[in-house]
Structures are given as C-alpha cells and as structure tokens.
Amino acid sequence: MLNAVPERPLGIKEKEEIYQQITEYSDETTIIHSNQKVLYINQPGSEFFKADKDTLIGANIVDVFTDDYKEFIAKRIRTGMEDRTIGELVETTVKRFDGTQADVELYCYPVQYGETVAIQSTIRDITTQKKTERDLMQLKNEISTPIVPIIDGLAVLPLVGSVDGDRSHLLLDIIPQKIQGENLHCLIIDVSGIYNIDNVVAEFLYRIDHIMRLLGIKLIFTGIRPELALKAIEARVDFSQLTTMGTVKQALKRYLTAD
C-alpha cells in the first residue's frame, strides 16, 4: 500500500494569489488594505476608480474618500483593526482618479491576507440610484410647493410637511425659480403646516427672506408658532427683520390696505 504524500502547506504568496483569484470573480470593487495602505485591489475596482492597479496598490485608502468623510473612514478602519469587528454598511462618497466623484455603499470587515491582518472593503457604486432619489425628492418638493396667485403682484406659498436640511436647500433654489415671470411684489409664506420646529426652519426663513429682498420682493410670513420664535433665538437668527402676521387672512388685509 502506498503511503499518502502529506499536503504541503501553502506559502504566503500562494495564499495571497488564491485570495486575489477569488476577489477577481466579484463584480464589485474589492480592496484589501492594512494600516490604511492598499495591498490589493481587484480589476473591477481598478476600472471603477479609473486607474491602473499599480497606481492604486500602495496608496493610502483614506485618500480616495472626499474630505467630508476622511476622518470618519479613518476612524472606522482603526476600529476594525483594533477590535476585529465587522462594521455596518454605510453610504459615503469617493473620488476617482479622473476627478469625478461617486456615491457608494461601503462595507468593511477584517480578513487574513496571507500572513497580514488586514481589512477588506467592498464598494458598491450607487451613483445612479442616489441621483434618481435626489431627482424624485426635487420633483416631490416642486409639486408640494405651489405658489398660488391671489391678485396681480401678490401670491401665497403654503409650506407643508417637514423641512430638513436637504429640503431647505431645495426650497431656497425652487422658490426664486418659481416666481420668475410672475411679476410679484409680495409673497405670503404660510408656515403653519410645517411639522418640525427647529433651528433648520428658523435659518431657512431668515435666508429666504434675505434672498427675496435682493430680488425686490417683500415677504410676509404667517403661522409662526411661539416655539419657532424660541428656536430662532437659540440659533441667533434675527426674526426682528422679518415681516410676520398671525394668519394669511391678516396678511392679505394688510397688503390690500397698504395699496
């Protein structure tokens, strides 16, 4: 009976090559890195970042993220290396070597790469998905932001729902666009239907008033609740510069009387 030949243990280089072969089958960007240094990136990753592998291998993994996320990602990597724990899926933004940016989902977890304790980061491109979400949000806000003409030179804009940071920025863009060609002298903005009363809303009212003044349009705000005034004080927003009335009816009466 022939004696079985014992299997030869795999060498470090062989282990790394096997790992690389496995990741090459993935359609998603896969990066192996340790101490923030890229040890390996698969071909889909090279194509995604629009750079050859030689350029990417050896680079600092944190440098591919935009400035807003660098500190967060660096901390996340350190935690993974120290605790050897699997992190949650996060959304972030990365920079590609052609200067473009991409929205991505990032998932990091600890691995053994050859003899090296490392982190494997899997990146999924969600740029198209995020653009669709932003377009739908903008469309939703445009539809839910009707400017209602009352008489020549006067219109009413009722704001309903929640005004977070994203919607605030959209409204600051949409409202000036919507009034173009309306020949308005005065716009009544009723905020009684806004759900959230916080510093974001207070800052939004101050900024939209300033923008409309520059466009030569007077704003009258109605429906401001006492808690919003308190938030404005906390945020150091000067509401004394705003023209406010209790209700739309009172604002209309004041406008018509002034004429």
C-alpha atoms as a PDB file:
ATOM      1  CA  MET A   1       0.000   0.000   0.000  1.00  0.00           C
ATOM      2  CA  LEU A   2       1.415   3.350  -0.992  1.00  0.00           C
ATOM      3  CA  ASN A   3       1.882   5.891   1.717  1.00  0.00           C
ATOM      4  CA  ALA A   4      -0.132   9.060   1.255  1.00  0.00           C
ATOM      5  CA  VAL A   5       2.001  12.076   0.445  1.00  0.00           C
ATOM      6  CA  PRO A   6       1.337  14.786   3.035  1.00  0.00           C
ATOM      7  CA  GLU A   7      -0.018  18.022   1.600  1.00  0.00           C
ATOM      8  CA  ARG A   8       2.480  20.858   1.520  1.00  0.00           C
ATOM      9  CA  PRO A   9       1.328  23.900   3.486  1.00  0.00           C
ATOM     10  CA  LEU A  10       0.530  26.872   1.279  1.00  0.00           C
ATOM     11  CA  GLY A  11       3.100  29.630   1.253  1.00  0.00           C
ATOM     12  CA  ILE A  12       2.295  33.289   1.915  1.00  0.00           C
ATOM     13  CA  LYS A  13       2.460  34.186  -1.766  1.00  0.00           C
ATOM     14  CA  GLU A  14       0.183  31.284  -2.698  1.00  0.00           C
ATOM     15  CA  LYS A  15      -2.388  32.299  -0.085  1.00  0.00           C
ATOM     16  CA  GLU A  16      -2.406  35.853  -1.416  1.00  0.00           C
ATOM     17  CA  GLU A  17      -2.771  34.631  -5.007  1.00  0.00           C
ATOM     18  CA  ILE A  18      -5.737  32.415  -4.071  1.00  0.00           C
ATOM     19  CA  TYR A  19      -7.393  35.353  -2.297  1.00  0.00           C
ATOM     20  CA  GLN A  20      -6.849  37.551  -5.346  1.00  0.00           C
ATOM     21  CA  GLN A  21      -8.316  34.949  -7.687  1.00  0.00           C
ATOM     22  CA  ILE A  22     -11.462  34.768  -5.563  1.00  0.00           C
ATOM     23  CA  THR A  23     -11.976  38.551  -5.465  1.00  0.00           C
ATOM     24  CA  GLU A  24     -11.477  38.867  -9.228  1.00  0.00           C
ATOM     25  CA  TYR A  25     -14.753  36.955  -9.716  1.00  0.00           C
ATOM     26  CA  SER A  26     -16.646  39.715  -7.917  1.00  0.00           C
ATOM     27  CA  ASP A  27     -18.336  42.457  -9.929  1.00  0.00           C
ATOM     28  CA  GLU A  28     -17.914  44.878  -7.044  1.00  0.00           C
ATOM     29  CA  THR A  29     -14.826  46.853  -6.075  1.00  0.00           C
ATOM     30  CA  THR A  30     -12.831  44.909  -3.504  1.00  0.00           C
ATOM     31  CA  ILE A  31      -9.844  46.433  -1.730  1.00  0.00           C
ATOM     32  CA  ILE A  32      -7.538  44.731   0.768  1.00  0.00           C
ATOM     33  CA  HIS A  33      -5.671  47.187   2.967  1.00  0.00           C
ATOM     34  CA  SER A  34      -3.714  47.260   6.194  1.00  0.00           C
ATOM     35  CA  ASN A  35      -2.688  50.323   8.212  1.00  0.00           C
ATOM     36  CA  GLN A  36      -4.514  52.353   5.528  1.00  0.00           C
ATOM     37  CA  LYS A  37      -2.156  51.082   2.791  1.00  0.00           C
ATOM     38  CA  VAL A  38      -3.750  49.331  -0.198  1.00  0.00           C
ATOM     39  CA  LEU A  39      -2.321  45.818  -0.526  1.00  0.00           C
ATOM     40  CA  TYR A  40      -4.552  44.649  -3.362  1.00  0.00           C
ATOM     41  CA  ILE A  41      -7.482  45.816  -5.488  1.00  0.00           C
ATOM     42  CA  ASN A  42      -9.404  43.696  -7.993  1.00  0.00           C
ATOM     43  CA  GLN A  43      -9.896  44.563 -11.674  1.00  0.00           C
ATOM     44  CA  PRO A  44     -13.491  45.868 -11.229  1.00  0.00           C
ATOM     45  CA  GLY A  45     -12.062  48.202  -8.568  1.00  0.00           C
ATOM     46  CA  SER A  46      -9.340  49.407 -10.917  1.00  0.00           C
ATOM     47  CA  GLU A  47     -11.965  50.149 -13.569  1.00  0.00           C
ATOM     48  CA  PHE A  48     -14.256  51.863 -11.066  1.00  0.00           C
ATOM     49  CA  PHE A  49     -11.515  54.180  -9.793  1.00  0.00           C
ATOM     50  CA  LYS A  50     -10.344  54.748 -13.389  1.00  0.00           C
ATOM     51  CA  ALA A  51      -6.711  53.966 -12.604  1.00  0.00           C
ATOM     52  CA  ASP A  52      -4.417  51.002 -13.143  1.00  0.00           C
ATOM     53  CA  LYS A  53      -3.654  48.654 -10.279  1.00  0.00           C
ATOM     54  CA  ASP A  54      -0.020  49.771  -9.972  1.00  0.00           C
ATOM     55  CA  THR A  55      -1.229  53.292  -9.200  1.00  0.00           C
ATOM     56  CA  LEU A  56      -3.714  52.102  -6.591  1.00  0.00           C
ATOM     57  CA  ILE A  57      -1.648  49.459  -4.793  1.00  0.00           C
ATOM     58  CA  GLY A  58       0.429  51.145  -2.121  1.00  0.00           C
ATOM     59  CA  ALA A  59      -1.825  54.209  -1.991  1.00  0.00           C
ATOM     60  CA  ASN A  60      -3.479  55.449   1.199  1.00  0.00           C
ATOM     61  CA  ILE A  61      -7.005  54.033   1.229  1.00  0.00           C
ATOM     62  CA  VAL A  62      -8.368  57.117   3.014  1.00  0.00           C
ATOM     63  CA  ASP A  63      -7.268  59.422   0.171  1.00  0.00           C
ATOM     64  CA  VAL A  64      -9.966  58.048  -2.152  1.00  0.00           C
ATOM     65  CA  PHE A  65     -12.732  59.442   0.052  1.00  0.00           C
ATOM     66  CA  THR A  66     -13.934  63.038  -0.114  1.00  0.00           C
ATOM     67  CA  ASP A  67     -12.809  65.436   2.615  1.00  0.00           C
ATOM     68  CA  ASP A  68     -16.190  65.270   4.385  1.00  0.00           C
ATOM     69  CA  TYR A  69     -15.746  61.544   5.038  1.00  0.00           C
ATOM     70  CA  LYS A  70     -11.976  61.096   5.502  1.00  0.00           C
ATOM     71  CA  GLU A  71     -11.946  61.391   9.293  1.00  0.00           C
ATOM     72  CA  PHE A  72     -14.951  59.091   9.634  1.00  0.00           C
ATOM     73  CA  ILE A  73     -13.429  56.427   7.359  1.00  0.00           C
ATOM     74  CA  ALA A  74     -10.025  56.595   9.080  1.00  0.00           C
ATOM     75  CA  LYS A  75     -11.712  56.089  12.463  1.00  0.00           C
ATOM     76  CA  ARG A  76     -13.785  53.243  11.080  1.00  0.00           C
ATOM     77  CA  ILE A  77     -10.685  51.464   9.758  1.00  0.00           C
ATOM     78  CA  ARG A  78      -8.819  51.903  13.060  1.00  0.00           C
ATOM     79  CA  THR A  79     -11.762  50.456  14.978  1.00  0.00           C
ATOM     80  CA  GLY A  80     -11.901  47.453  12.647  1.00  0.00           C
ATOM     81  CA  MET A  81      -8.182  46.772  13.027  1.00  0.00           C
ATOM     82  CA  GLU A  82      -8.197  47.135  16.807  1.00  0.00           C
ATOM     83  CA  ASP A  83     -11.450  45.363  17.660  1.00  0.00           C
ATOM     84  CA  ARG A  84     -11.505  42.939  14.706  1.00  0.00           C
ATOM     85  CA  THR A  85     -15.221  43.551  14.457  1.00  0.00           C
ATOM     86  CA  ILE A  86     -17.486  43.612  11.428  1.00  0.00           C
ATOM     87  CA  GLY A  87     -18.843  47.064  10.690  1.00  0.00           C
ATOM     88  CA  GLU A  88     -22.216  48.096   9.344  1.00  0.00           C
ATOM     89  CA  LEU A  89     -22.952  49.115   5.764  1.00  0.00           C
ATOM     90  CA  VAL A  90     -22.552  52.864   5.243  1.00  0.00           C
ATOM     91  CA  GLU A  91     -23.075  55.297   2.389  1.00  0.00           C
ATOM     92  CA  THR A  92     -20.245  57.650   1.508  1.00  0.00           C
ATOM     93  CA  THR A  93     -18.605  59.449  -1.416  1.00  0.00           C
ATOM     94  CA  VAL A  94     -15.320  58.585  -3.109  1.00  0.00           C
ATOM     95  CA  LYS A  95     -13.039  60.409  -5.534  1.00  0.00           C
ATOM     96  CA  ARG A  96     -11.927  58.715  -8.721  1.00  0.00           C
ATOM     97  CA  PHE A  97      -8.634  59.346 -10.471  1.00  0.00           C
ATOM     98  CA  ASP A  98     -10.294  61.190 -13.368  1.00  0.00           C
ATOM     99  CA  GLY A  99     -11.592  63.819 -10.934  1.00  0.00           C
ATOM    100  CA  THR A 100     -15.179  62.565 -10.765  1.00  0.00           C
ATOM    101  CA  GLN A 101     -16.976  61.557  -7.574  1.00  0.00           C
ATOM    102  CA  ALA A 102     -19.258  58.607  -6.949  1.00  0.00           C
ATOM    103  CA  ASP A 103     -21.829  57.763  -4.292  1.00  0.00           C
ATOM    104  CA  VAL A 104     -21.110  54.318  -2.871  1.00  0.00           C
ATOM    105  CA  GLU A 105     -22.094  51.778  -0.260  1.00  0.00           C
ATOM    106  CA  LEU A 106     -19.082  50.731   1.797  1.00  0.00           C
ATOM    107  CA  TYR A 107     -18.729  47.544   3.815  1.00  0.00           C
ATOM    108  CA  CYS A 108     -15.531  46.798   5.755  1.00  0.00           C
ATOM    109  CA  TYR A 109     -14.603  43.652   7.627  1.00  0.00           C
ATOM    110  CA  PRO A 110     -11.383  42.069   8.974  1.00  0.00           C
ATOM    111  CA  VAL A 111      -9.570  39.389   6.943  1.00  0.00           C
ATOM    112  CA  GLN A 112      -6.320  37.445   6.955  1.00  0.00           C
ATOM    113  CA  TYR A 113      -4.444  38.298   3.762  1.00  0.00           C
ATOM    114  CA  GLY A 114      -1.549  35.844   3.571  1.00  0.00           C
ATOM    115  CA  GLU A 115       0.158  36.451   6.889  1.00  0.00           C
ATOM    116  CA  THR A 116      -1.143  40.016   7.192  1.00  0.00           C
ATOM    117  CA  VAL A 117      -4.016  41.119   9.379  1.00  0.00           C
ATOM    118  CA  ALA A 118      -5.994  43.353   7.048  1.00  0.00           C
ATOM    119  CA  ILE A 119      -9.346  44.935   6.236  1.00  0.00           C
ATOM    120  CA  GLN A 120     -11.385  44.066   3.161  1.00  0.00           C
ATOM    121  CA  SER A 121     -13.503  46.937   1.900  1.00  0.00           C
ATOM    122  CA  THR A 122     -16.247  46.205  -0.592  1.00  0.00           C
ATOM    123  CA  ILE A 123     -17.529  49.213  -2.531  1.00  0.00           C
ATOM    124  CA  ARG A 124     -20.776  49.246  -4.485  1.00  0.00           C
ATOM    125  CA  ASP A 125     -21.460  52.117  -6.886  1.00  0.00           C
ATOM    126  CA  ILE A 126     -24.886  53.652  -6.139  1.00  0.00           C
ATOM    127  CA  THR A 127     -24.389  56.938  -8.014  1.00  0.00           C
ATOM    128  CA  THR A 128     -27.325  56.339 -10.386  1.00  0.00           C
ATOM    129  CA  GLN A 129     -29.579  55.259  -7.520  1.00  0.00           C
ATOM    130  CA  LYS A 130     -28.746  58.355  -5.435  1.00  0.00           C
ATOM    131  CA  LYS A 131     -29.259  60.671  -8.420  1.00  0.00           C
ATOM    132  CA  THR A 132     -32.683  59.127  -9.005  1.00  0.00           C
ATOM    133  CA  GLU A 133     -33.543  59.623  -5.327  1.00  0.00           C
ATOM    134  CA  ARG A 134     -32.442  63.268  -5.466  1.00  0.00           C
ATOM    135  CA  ASP A 135     -34.407  63.888  -8.672  1.00  0.00           C
ATOM    136  CA  LEU A 136     -37.530  62.330  -7.163  1.00  0.00           C
ATOM    137  CA  MET A 137     -37.103  64.390  -3.996  1.00  0.00           C
ATOM    138  CA  GLN A 138     -36.731  67.573  -6.019  1.00  0.00           C
ATOM    139  CA  LEU A 139     -39.805  66.702  -8.088  1.00  0.00           C
ATOM    140  CA  LYS A 140     -41.753  65.929  -4.919  1.00  0.00           C
ATOM    141  CA  ASN A 141     -40.779  69.257  -3.390  1.00  0.00           C
ATOM    142  CA  GLU A 142     -41.608  71.147  -6.565  1.00  0.00           C
ATOM    143  CA  ILE A 143     -45.058  69.546  -6.673  1.00  0.00           C
ATOM    144  CA  SER A 144     -45.630  70.161  -2.959  1.00  0.00           C
ATOM    145  CA  THR A 145     -44.550  73.808  -3.191  1.00  0.00           C
ATOM    146  CA  PRO A 146     -47.418  75.509  -5.058  1.00  0.00           C
ATOM    147  CA  ILE A 147     -47.308  79.281  -5.391  1.00  0.00           C
ATOM    148  CA  VAL A 148     -50.936  80.453  -5.519  1.00  0.00           C
ATOM    149  CA  PRO A 149     -51.596  83.795  -7.274  1.00  0.00           C
ATOM    150  CA  ILE A 150     -54.154  85.948  -5.438  1.00  0.00           C
ATOM    151  CA  ILE A 151     -54.194  89.225  -7.359  1.00  0.00           C
ATOM    152  CA  ASP A 152     -51.683  90.961  -9.603  1.00  0.00           C
ATOM    153  CA  GLY A 153     -48.418  91.266  -7.722  1.00  0.00           C
ATOM    154  CA  LEU A 154     -49.452  89.043  -4.786  1.00  0.00           C
ATOM    155  CA  ALA A 155     -49.246  85.276  -4.218  1.00  0.00           C
ATOM    156  CA  VAL A 156     -49.373  82.827  -1.333  1.00  0.00           C
ATOM    157  CA  LEU A 157     -46.987  79.922  -0.715  1.00  0.00           C
ATOM    158  CA  PRO A 158     -48.188  77.383   1.885  1.00  0.00           C
ATOM    159  CA  LEU A 159     -45.371  75.177   3.202  1.00  0.00           C
ATOM    160  CA  VAL A 160     -46.490  71.783   4.471  1.00  0.00           C
ATOM    161  CA  GLY A 161     -44.560  68.870   5.958  1.00  0.00           C
ATOM    162  CA  SER A 162     -41.068  68.601   7.341  1.00  0.00           C
ATOM    163  CA  VAL A 163     -38.283  70.992   6.363  1.00  0.00           C
ATOM    164  CA  ASP A 164     -34.930  69.319   6.939  1.00  0.00           C
ATOM    165  CA  GLY A 165     -31.537  70.462   5.666  1.00  0.00           C
ATOM    166  CA  ASP A 166     -31.989  68.906   2.207  1.00  0.00           C
ATOM    167  CA  ARG A 167     -35.473  70.305   1.659  1.00  0.00           C
ATOM    168  CA  SER A 168     -34.359  73.697   2.951  1.00  0.00           C
ATOM    169  CA  HIS A 169     -31.648  73.876   0.276  1.00  0.00           C
ATOM    170  CA  LEU A 170     -34.090  72.751  -2.412  1.00  0.00           C
ATOM    171  CA  LEU A 171     -36.655  75.373  -1.400  1.00  0.00           C
ATOM    172  CA  LEU A 172     -34.018  78.093  -1.481  1.00  0.00           C
ATOM    173  CA  ASP A 173     -33.430  77.123  -5.132  1.00  0.00           C
ATOM    174  CA  ILE A 174     -37.008  76.354  -6.162  1.00  0.00           C
ATOM    175  CA  ILE A 175     -38.862  79.379  -4.741  1.00  0.00           C
ATOM    176  CA  PRO A 176     -36.824  82.054  -6.599  1.00  0.00           C
ATOM    177  CA  GLN A 177     -37.166  79.981  -9.803  1.00  0.00           C
ATOM    178  CA  LYS A 178     -40.937  79.644  -9.430  1.00  0.00           C
ATOM    179  CA  ILE A 179     -41.560  83.358  -9.009  1.00  0.00           C
ATOM    180  CA  GLN A 180     -39.697  84.263 -12.214  1.00  0.00           C
ATOM    181  CA  GLY A 181     -42.116  85.804 -14.683  1.00  0.00           C
ATOM    182  CA  GLU A 182     -44.892  86.151 -12.062  1.00  0.00           C
ATOM    183  CA  ASN A 183     -44.314  89.902 -11.652  1.00  0.00           C
ATOM    184  CA  LEU A 184     -44.751  89.647  -7.892  1.00  0.00           C
ATOM    185  CA  HIS A 185     -44.355  92.491  -5.440  1.00  0.00           C
ATOM    186  CA  CYS A 186     -45.246  90.477  -2.356  1.00  0.00           C
ATOM    187  CA  LEU A 187     -45.257  86.786  -1.400  1.00  0.00           C
ATOM    188  CA  ILE A 188     -47.021  85.464   1.683  1.00  0.00           C
ATOM    189  CA  ILE A 189     -45.332  82.322   3.030  1.00  0.00           C
ATOM    190  CA  ASP A 190     -47.525  80.407   5.460  1.00  0.00           C
ATOM    191  CA  VAL A 191     -45.541  78.059   7.734  1.00  0.00           C
ATOM    192  CA  SER A 192     -48.400  76.842   9.933  1.00  0.00           C
ATOM    193  CA  GLY A 193     -48.285  73.448   8.165  1.00  0.00           C
ATOM    194  CA  ILE A 194     -44.617  72.750   8.882  1.00  0.00           C
ATOM    195  CA  TYR A 195     -44.283  69.775  11.215  1.00  0.00           C
ATOM    196  CA  ASN A 196     -40.814  70.289  12.654  1.00  0.00           C
ATOM    197  CA  ILE A 197     -39.999  73.374  14.662  1.00  0.00           C
ATOM    198  CA  ASP A 198     -36.223  73.645  14.875  1.00  0.00           C
ATOM    199  CA  ASN A 199     -33.140  75.694  14.038  1.00  0.00           C
ATOM    200  CA  VAL A 200     -33.155  74.500  10.406  1.00  0.00           C
ATOM    201  CA  VAL A 201     -36.589  76.048   9.829  1.00  0.00           C
ATOM    202  CA  ALA A 202     -35.610  79.269  11.591  1.00  0.00           C
ATOM    203  CA  GLU A 203     -32.451  79.605   9.473  1.00  0.00           C
ATOM    204  CA  PHE A 204     -34.424  78.829   6.297  1.00  0.00           C
ATOM    205  CA  LEU A 205     -36.949  81.624   6.933  1.00  0.00           C
ATOM    206  CA  TYR A 206     -34.162  84.122   7.526  1.00  0.00           C
ATOM    207  CA  ARG A 207     -32.264  83.106   4.381  1.00  0.00           C
ATOM    208  CA  ILE A 208     -35.276  83.027   2.030  1.00  0.00           C
ATOM    209  CA  ASP A 209     -36.308  86.465   3.276  1.00  0.00           C
ATOM    210  CA  HIS A 210     -32.825  87.797   2.512  1.00  0.00           C
ATOM    211  CA  ILE A 211     -32.826  86.238  -0.984  1.00  0.00           C
ATOM    212  CA  MET A 212     -36.252  87.629  -1.860  1.00  0.00           C
ATOM    213  CA  ARG A 213     -35.301  91.107  -0.645  1.00  0.00           C
ATOM    214  CA  LEU A 214     -32.400  91.039  -3.098  1.00  0.00           C
ATOM    215  CA  LEU A 215     -34.915  90.158  -5.828  1.00  0.00           C
ATOM    216  CA  GLY A 216     -37.099  93.103  -4.835  1.00  0.00           C
ATOM    217  CA  ILE A 217     -39.956  91.033  -3.417  1.00  0.00           C
ATOM    218  CA  LYS A 218     -41.457  91.620   0.010  1.00  0.00           C
ATOM    219  CA  LEU A 219     -42.162  88.550   2.142  1.00  0.00           C
ATOM    220  CA  ILE A 220     -44.822  88.237   4.797  1.00  0.00           C
ATOM    221  CA  PHE A 221     -44.599  85.146   6.990  1.00  0.00           C
ATOM    222  CA  THR A 222     -47.736  83.779   8.607  1.00  0.00           C
ATOM    223  CA  GLY A 223     -48.401  80.940  11.031  1.00  0.00           C
ATOM    224  CA  ILE A 224     -45.150  81.287  13.007  1.00  0.00           C
ATOM    225  CA  ARG A 225     -45.708  79.475  16.287  1.00  0.00           C
ATOM    226  CA  PRO A 226     -44.097  80.625  19.575  1.00  0.00           C
ATOM    227  CA  GLU A 227     -41.801  77.584  19.717  1.00  0.00           C
ATOM    228  CA  LEU A 228     -40.311  78.554  16.346  1.00  0.00           C
ATOM    229  CA  ALA A 229     -39.562  82.031  17.637  1.00  0.00           C
ATOM    230  CA  LEU A 230     -37.754  80.443  20.602  1.00  0.00           C
ATOM    231  CA  LYS A 231     -35.713  78.245  18.236  1.00  0.00           C
ATOM    232  CA  ALA A 232     -34.771  81.341  16.278  1.00  0.00           C
ATOM    233  CA  ILE A 233     -33.447  82.942  19.445  1.00  0.00           C
ATOM    234  CA  GLU A 234     -31.438  79.796  20.248  1.00  0.00           C
ATOM    235  CA  ALA A 235     -29.987  79.791  16.733  1.00  0.00           C
ATOM    236  CA  ARG A 236     -29.336  83.557  16.971  1.00  0.00           C
ATOM    237  CA  VAL A 237     -31.492  84.198  13.945  1.00  0.00           C
ATOM    238  CA  ASP A 238     -32.808  87.772  13.977  1.00  0.00           C
ATOM    239  CA  PHE A 239     -36.546  87.461  13.366  1.00  0.00           C
ATOM    240  CA  SER A 240     -36.996  91.181  14.008  1.00  0.00           C
ATOM    241  CA  GLN A 241     -36.108  91.801  10.355  1.00  0.00           C
ATOM    242  CA  LEU A 242     -38.941  89.568   9.155  1.00  0.00           C
ATOM    243  CA  THR A 243     -42.463  90.790   8.452  1.00  0.00           C
ATOM    244  CA  THR A 244     -44.823  88.423  10.254  1.00  0.00           C
ATOM    245  CA  MET A 245     -48.573  88.151  10.678  1.00  0.00           C
ATOM    246  CA  GLY A 246     -50.736  85.668  12.545  1.00  0.00           C
ATOM    247  CA  THR A 247     -52.751  84.349   9.603  1.00  0.00           C
ATOM    248  CA  VAL A 248     -52.899  84.538   5.804  1.00  0.00           C
ATOM    249  CA  LYS A 249     -56.178  86.479   6.110  1.00  0.00           C
ATOM    250  CA  GLN A 250     -54.483  89.157   8.222  1.00  0.00           C
ATOM    251  CA  ALA A 251     -51.596  89.362   5.750  1.00  0.00           C
ATOM    252  CA  LEU A 252     -53.963  89.790   2.810  1.00  0.00           C
ATOM    253  CA  LYS A 253     -55.843  92.542   4.618  1.00  0.00           C
ATOM    254  CA  ARG A 254     -52.591  94.323   5.416  1.00  0.00           C
ATOM    255  CA  TYR A 255     -51.376  94.105   1.809  1.00  0.00           C
ATOM    256  CA  LEU A 256     -54.685  95.336   0.357  1.00  0.00           C
ATOM    257  CA  THR A 257     -54.927  98.164   2.889  1.00  0.00           C
ATOM    258  CA  ALA A 258     -51.377  99.264   2.148  1.00  0.00           C
ATOM    259  CA  ASP A 259     -52.282  99.515  -1.531  1.00  0.00           C
END
